[in-house]
N, C-alpha and C. Protein backbone atom coordinates (compact mmCIF):
# COMPACT_ATOMS: atom_id res chain seq x y z
N UNK A 1 1.18 -1.06 -0.18
CA UNK A 1 0.02 -0.09 -0.11
C UNK A 1 0.88 1.01 0.07
N UNK A 2 0.36 2.22 -0.93
CA UNK A 2 1.42 3.37 -0.85
C UNK A 2 1.47 4.30 0.50
N UNK A 3 1.63 5.33 0.27
CA UNK A 3 1.68 6.35 1.25
C UNK A 3 0.25 7.18 0.91
N UNK A 4 0.16 7.38 1.78
CA UNK A 4 -1.39 8.50 2.11
C UNK A 4 -1.23 9.91 1.87
N UNK A 5 -2.32 10.40 1.67
CA UNK A 5 -1.90 12.10 1.57
C UNK A 5 -2.69 12.84 2.45
N UNK A 6 -2.42 13.51 2.74
CA UNK A 6 -2.71 14.70 4.06
C UNK A 6 -4.32 14.31 3.98
N UNK A 7 -4.81 14.96 2.78
CA UNK A 7 -6.44 14.87 2.61
C UNK A 7 -6.98 13.53 2.75
N UNK A 8 -5.86 12.43 2.41
CA UNK A 8 -6.74 10.68 2.85
C UNK A 8 -6.75 10.66 4.18
N UNK A 9 -5.84 11.42 4.70
CA UNK A 9 -5.60 10.79 6.27
C UNK A 9 -6.69 11.85 7.14
N UNK A 10 -6.91 13.12 6.29
CA UNK A 10 -8.07 13.98 7.13
C UNK A 10 -9.11 13.44 6.76
N UNK A 11 -9.70 12.91 5.53
CA UNK A 11 -10.72 12.23 5.20
C UNK A 11 -11.18 10.75 6.02
N UNK A 12 -10.28 9.85 6.14
CA UNK A 12 -10.18 9.18 7.54
C UNK A 12 -10.62 9.15 8.67
N UNK A 13 -9.61 10.24 9.16
CA UNK A 13 -10.31 10.74 10.57
C UNK A 13 -11.54 11.66 10.46
N UNK A 14 -12.20 12.16 9.97
CA UNK A 14 -13.34 12.95 9.86
C UNK A 14 -14.54 12.00 9.75
N UNK A 15 -14.53 10.56 9.19
CA UNK A 15 -15.10 9.10 8.60
C UNK A 15 -15.22 8.28 9.98
N UNK A 16 -14.14 8.16 10.50
CA UNK A 16 -14.05 7.71 11.91
C UNK A 16 -15.02 8.40 13.01
N UNK A 17 -14.32 9.82 13.28
CA UNK A 17 -15.16 10.65 13.98
C UNK A 17 -16.80 10.43 13.88
N UNK A 18 -17.41 10.68 12.31
CA UNK A 18 -18.67 10.70 12.15
C UNK A 18 -19.29 9.20 12.04
N UNK A 19 -18.29 7.98 12.12
CA UNK A 19 -19.04 6.82 12.42
C UNK A 19 -19.02 6.58 14.32
N UNK A 20 -18.36 7.30 14.82
CA UNK A 20 -18.56 7.33 16.23
C UNK A 20 -19.59 8.19 16.64
N UNK A 21 -19.77 9.03 16.06
CA UNK A 21 -21.04 10.03 16.38
C UNK A 21 -22.32 9.15 16.04
N UNK A 22 -22.42 8.42 14.87
CA UNK A 22 -23.66 7.83 14.11
C UNK A 22 -23.68 6.94 15.36
N UNK A 23 -22.94 6.02 15.60
CA UNK A 23 -22.94 4.80 16.48
C UNK A 23 -23.72 5.16 17.77
N UNK A 24 -23.29 6.36 18.42
CA UNK A 24 -23.39 6.69 19.67
C UNK A 24 -24.62 7.47 19.71
N UNK A 25 -25.36 7.98 18.65
CA UNK A 25 -26.25 8.34 19.02
C UNK A 25 -27.62 7.37 18.52
N UNK A 26 -26.99 6.76 17.59
CA UNK A 26 -27.92 4.83 17.16
C UNK A 26 -28.20 4.35 18.47
N UNK A 27 -27.21 4.51 18.87
CA UNK A 27 -27.08 3.38 20.62
C UNK A 27 -28.19 4.18 21.48
N UNK A 28 -27.83 5.07 21.62
CA UNK A 28 -28.86 6.02 22.66
C UNK A 28 -29.90 5.98 22.25
N UNK A 29 -30.65 5.89 20.79
CA UNK A 29 -32.06 5.81 20.82
C UNK A 29 -32.29 4.23 20.74
N UNK A 30 -31.60 3.24 20.58
CA UNK A 30 -31.74 2.32 20.91
C UNK A 30 -32.33 1.70 22.68
N UNK A 31 -31.20 1.89 23.51
CA UNK A 31 -31.59 2.18 24.47
C UNK A 31 -32.52 2.78 25.25
N UNK A 32 -33.08 4.00 24.71
CA UNK A 32 -34.14 4.42 24.96
C UNK A 32 -35.44 3.63 24.43
N UNK A 33 -35.37 3.23 23.30
CA UNK A 33 -36.35 2.55 23.04
C UNK A 33 -36.70 1.35 23.91
N UNK A 34 -35.64 0.38 24.39
CA UNK A 34 -35.90 -0.50 25.18
C UNK A 34 -36.06 -0.57 26.54
N UNK A 35 -35.52 0.88 27.06
CA UNK A 35 -35.79 1.50 28.62
C UNK A 35 -37.41 2.00 28.73
N UNK A 36 -37.73 3.21 27.75
CA UNK A 36 -39.26 3.62 27.67
C UNK A 36 -40.24 2.93 27.01
N UNK A 37 -39.77 3.21 25.57
CA UNK A 37 -40.54 2.54 24.71
C UNK A 37 -41.18 0.90 24.87
N UNK A 38 -40.29 0.44 25.03
CA UNK A 38 -40.85 -1.21 25.29
C UNK A 38 -41.81 -1.42 26.29
N UNK A 39 -42.16 -0.63 27.36
CA UNK A 39 -42.47 -1.19 28.44
C UNK A 39 -43.70 -0.52 28.29
N UNK A 40 -43.93 0.29 27.01
CA UNK A 40 -45.07 1.23 27.04
C UNK A 40 -46.04 0.39 26.20
N UNK A 41 -45.09 -0.73 25.29
CA UNK A 41 -45.72 -1.35 24.13
C UNK A 41 -46.12 -2.76 24.48
N UNK A 42 -45.39 -3.43 25.54
CA UNK A 42 -45.32 -4.34 25.93
C UNK A 42 -45.92 -4.04 27.62
N UNK A 43 -47.02 -4.08 27.50
CA UNK A 43 -47.02 -3.57 29.41
C UNK A 43 -46.52 -4.69 30.19
N UNK A 44 -46.00 -5.99 29.92
CA UNK A 44 -46.21 -7.18 31.06
C UNK A 44 -44.61 -6.78 31.14
N UNK A 45 -43.70 -5.72 30.40
CA UNK A 45 -42.53 -5.81 31.01
C UNK A 45 -42.66 -4.48 31.66
N UNK A 46 -43.48 -3.66 32.40
CA UNK A 46 -43.51 -2.54 32.93
C UNK A 46 -42.91 -3.14 34.41
N UNK A 47 -41.84 -2.32 35.24
CA UNK A 47 -41.21 -2.70 35.95
C UNK A 47 -40.31 -3.75 36.21
N UNK A 48 -40.07 -4.46 35.32
CA UNK A 48 -39.16 -5.68 35.20
C UNK A 48 -37.91 -5.24 35.17
N UNK A 49 -37.13 -4.49 35.71
CA UNK A 49 -36.03 -3.92 34.92
C UNK A 49 -34.80 -5.25 35.65
N UNK A 50 -34.92 -6.03 35.86
CA UNK A 50 -33.93 -6.96 35.99
C UNK A 50 -33.58 -7.80 34.14
N UNK A 51 -34.97 -7.47 33.78
CA UNK A 51 -35.00 -8.33 32.16
C UNK A 51 -34.50 -6.79 31.20
N UNK A 52 -34.84 -5.85 31.46
CA UNK A 52 -34.67 -4.55 30.85
C UNK A 52 -33.37 -4.03 30.60
N UNK A 53 -33.12 -3.82 32.06
CA UNK A 53 -31.50 -3.72 31.90
C UNK A 53 -30.72 -4.67 31.07
N UNK A 54 -30.56 -5.68 31.67
CA UNK A 54 -29.30 -6.68 30.36
C UNK A 54 -29.72 -6.64 28.66
N UNK A 55 -31.30 -6.35 28.24
CA UNK A 55 -31.58 -6.53 27.18
C UNK A 55 -31.34 -5.15 26.66
N UNK A 56 -31.36 -3.68 27.60
CA UNK A 56 -31.25 -2.41 26.79
C UNK A 56 -29.73 -2.69 26.40
N UNK A 57 -28.81 -2.96 27.70
CA UNK A 57 -27.53 -3.05 27.07
C UNK A 57 -26.98 -3.74 26.08
N UNK A 58 -27.60 -5.10 25.92
CA UNK A 58 -27.11 -5.82 24.60
C UNK A 58 -27.55 -4.55 23.39
N UNK A 59 -28.54 -4.34 23.39
CA UNK A 59 -29.10 -3.38 22.34
C UNK A 59 -28.14 -2.58 21.93
N UNK A 60 -27.90 -1.86 22.96
CA UNK A 60 -27.25 -0.62 22.84
C UNK A 60 -25.94 -1.15 22.41
N UNK A 61 -25.17 -1.83 22.38
CA UNK A 61 -23.69 -2.66 22.26
C UNK A 61 -23.51 -3.27 20.57
N UNK A 62 -24.93 -3.77 20.50
CA UNK A 62 -25.11 -4.17 19.10
C UNK A 62 -25.35 -3.35 17.68
N UNK A 63 -26.32 -2.24 18.67
CA UNK A 63 -26.69 -1.16 17.17
C UNK A 63 -25.46 -0.30 17.25
N UNK A 64 -24.37 0.04 18.62
CA UNK A 64 -23.10 0.40 17.94
C UNK A 64 -22.14 0.00 17.31
N UNK A 65 -21.76 -1.30 17.54
CA UNK A 65 -20.99 -1.59 16.61
C UNK A 65 -21.55 -2.11 15.33
N UNK A 66 -22.62 -2.60 15.02
CA UNK A 66 -23.49 -2.22 13.50
C UNK A 66 -23.23 -1.15 12.81
N UNK A 67 -23.44 0.29 13.54
CA UNK A 67 -23.78 1.18 12.69
C UNK A 67 -22.32 1.85 12.62
N UNK A 68 -21.30 1.33 12.95
CA UNK A 68 -19.84 1.99 13.17
C UNK A 68 -19.33 1.17 12.23
N UNK A 69 -19.41 -0.40 12.00
CA UNK A 69 -18.97 -1.14 11.28
C UNK A 69 -19.40 -0.76 9.66
N UNK A 70 -20.38 -0.19 9.57
CA UNK A 70 -21.37 -0.61 8.35
C UNK A 70 -20.95 1.08 7.91
N UNK A 71 -20.67 2.16 8.54
CA UNK A 71 -20.13 3.18 8.27
C UNK A 71 -19.12 3.41 7.81
N UNK A 72 -17.86 2.74 8.24
CA UNK A 72 -16.76 2.86 7.56
C UNK A 72 -16.13 1.62 6.67
N UNK A 73 -17.17 0.69 7.02
CA UNK A 73 -16.78 -0.70 5.51
C UNK A 73 -17.76 0.03 4.51
N UNK A 74 -18.80 0.92 4.27
CA UNK A 74 -18.65 1.73 3.03
C UNK A 74 -17.58 2.97 2.39
N UNK A 75 -17.29 3.63 4.06
CA UNK A 75 -16.24 4.31 3.25
C UNK A 75 -15.03 3.61 2.87
N UNK A 76 -14.44 2.20 3.26
CA UNK A 76 -13.82 2.04 2.99
C UNK A 76 -14.00 1.53 1.07
N UNK A 77 -15.33 0.99 0.82
CA UNK A 77 -15.67 0.40 -0.36
C UNK A 77 -15.68 1.91 -1.23
N UNK A 78 -15.96 2.67 -0.67
CA UNK A 78 -16.00 4.08 -1.62
C UNK A 78 -14.68 4.44 -2.03
N UNK A 79 -13.93 4.25 -1.01
CA UNK A 79 -12.19 4.55 -1.31
C UNK A 79 -11.86 3.30 -2.12
N UNK A 80 -11.91 2.12 -2.25
CA UNK A 80 -11.44 1.44 -3.38
C UNK A 80 -12.10 1.55 -4.67
N UNK A 81 -13.00 2.14 -4.59
CA UNK A 81 -14.01 2.06 -6.00
C UNK A 81 -12.93 3.45 -6.42
N UNK A 82 -12.50 4.41 -6.14
CA UNK A 82 -11.85 5.24 -6.55
C UNK A 82 -12.72 6.61 -6.46
N UNK A 83 -14.04 6.66 -5.87
CA UNK A 83 -14.78 8.02 -5.89
C UNK A 83 -14.33 8.69 -5.20
N UNK A 84 -14.05 10.29 -5.40
CA UNK A 84 -13.76 11.17 -4.84
C UNK A 84 -14.32 12.47 -4.92
N UNK A 85 -14.31 13.40 -3.96
CA UNK A 85 -15.12 14.77 -3.92
C UNK A 85 -14.30 15.70 -5.37
N UNK A 86 -15.59 16.01 -5.90
CA UNK A 86 -15.05 17.08 -7.08
C UNK A 86 -14.32 18.26 -6.19
N UNK A 87 -13.07 18.34 -6.93
CA UNK A 87 -12.23 19.61 -6.04
C UNK A 87 -12.76 20.92 -6.83
N UNK A 88 -12.91 21.95 -6.30
CA UNK A 88 -13.60 23.11 -7.08
C UNK A 88 -12.45 23.15 -7.95
N UNK A 89 -13.42 24.09 -8.99
CA UNK A 89 -12.92 24.77 -10.03
C UNK A 89 -11.46 25.98 -9.92
N UNK A 90 -10.39 25.78 -10.58
CA UNK A 90 -9.21 26.66 -10.77
C UNK A 90 -9.57 27.97 -11.23
N UNK A 91 -8.73 28.34 -11.10
CA UNK A 91 -8.44 29.67 -12.43
C UNK A 91 -9.17 30.94 -11.27
N UNK A 92 -8.50 32.37 -11.74
CA UNK A 92 -9.17 33.38 -11.04
C UNK A 92 -10.59 33.86 -11.01
N UNK A 93 -11.05 34.29 -10.45
CA UNK A 93 -12.40 34.42 -9.85
C UNK A 93 -13.12 33.17 -9.52
N UNK A 94 -12.80 31.96 -9.29
CA UNK A 94 -14.01 30.64 -9.26
C UNK A 94 -14.19 30.66 -8.25
N UNK A 95 -13.62 31.36 -6.88
CA UNK A 95 -14.14 31.46 -5.82
C UNK A 95 -14.33 32.87 -5.25
N UNK A 96 -14.02 33.73 -5.81
CA UNK A 96 -14.38 34.77 -5.52
C UNK A 96 -15.25 35.69 -6.63
N UNK A 97 -16.15 36.78 -5.98
CA UNK A 97 -16.86 37.44 -7.42
C UNK A 97 -15.26 38.33 -7.40
N UNK A 98 -15.48 39.03 -9.05
CA UNK A 98 -14.24 39.83 -9.25
C UNK A 98 -14.16 41.48 -9.25
N UNK A 99 -15.46 41.57 -8.41
CA UNK A 99 -15.59 42.72 -7.62
C UNK A 99 -16.42 42.99 -6.65
N UNK A 100 -16.26 43.14 -5.52
CA UNK A 100 -16.94 43.59 -3.96
C UNK A 100 -18.41 43.99 -4.60
N UNK A 101 -19.37 43.20 -4.14
CA UNK A 101 -21.14 43.09 -4.15
C UNK A 101 -21.67 42.41 -5.00
N UNK A 102 -20.62 42.05 -6.12
CA UNK A 102 -21.32 41.29 -7.19
C UNK A 102 -21.19 39.64 -7.26
N UNK A 103 -22.02 38.98 -7.51
CA UNK A 103 -22.26 37.60 -7.12
C UNK A 103 -21.20 36.62 -7.92
N UNK A 104 -21.15 37.15 -9.16
CA UNK A 104 -20.95 35.84 -10.07
C UNK A 104 -19.76 37.14 -11.19
N UNK A 105 -19.12 36.56 -11.54
CA UNK A 105 -17.39 37.30 -12.15
C UNK A 105 -17.83 37.85 -13.36
N UNK A 106 -19.18 37.27 -13.64
CA UNK A 106 -19.37 37.94 -15.23
C UNK A 106 -20.64 39.31 -15.07
N UNK A 107 -21.11 39.45 -13.96
CA UNK A 107 -22.03 40.11 -14.00
C UNK A 107 -21.46 42.02 -13.88
């Protein structure tokens, strides 16, 4: 494997951060769903924390690992396929208007 550019390393760091954030949010939703929503749907589970506690922890762990692995796998496949974000056009006036107050260099 060749050396990676700074942009590729930055993209990997960003993607890992996004994967961890998405996993944490999804895991929190799973925990809430098991501890708050499920007892209201299945009335027999109300007050049965000895069953809901381990179920909530298991669901949280499974969802976190699943979301993180899915996000990182999709990123790896996209990198292997060679899909890249298009660079902005180069040249004078490509990013800034030619005159202050104008929105287009041709206006």
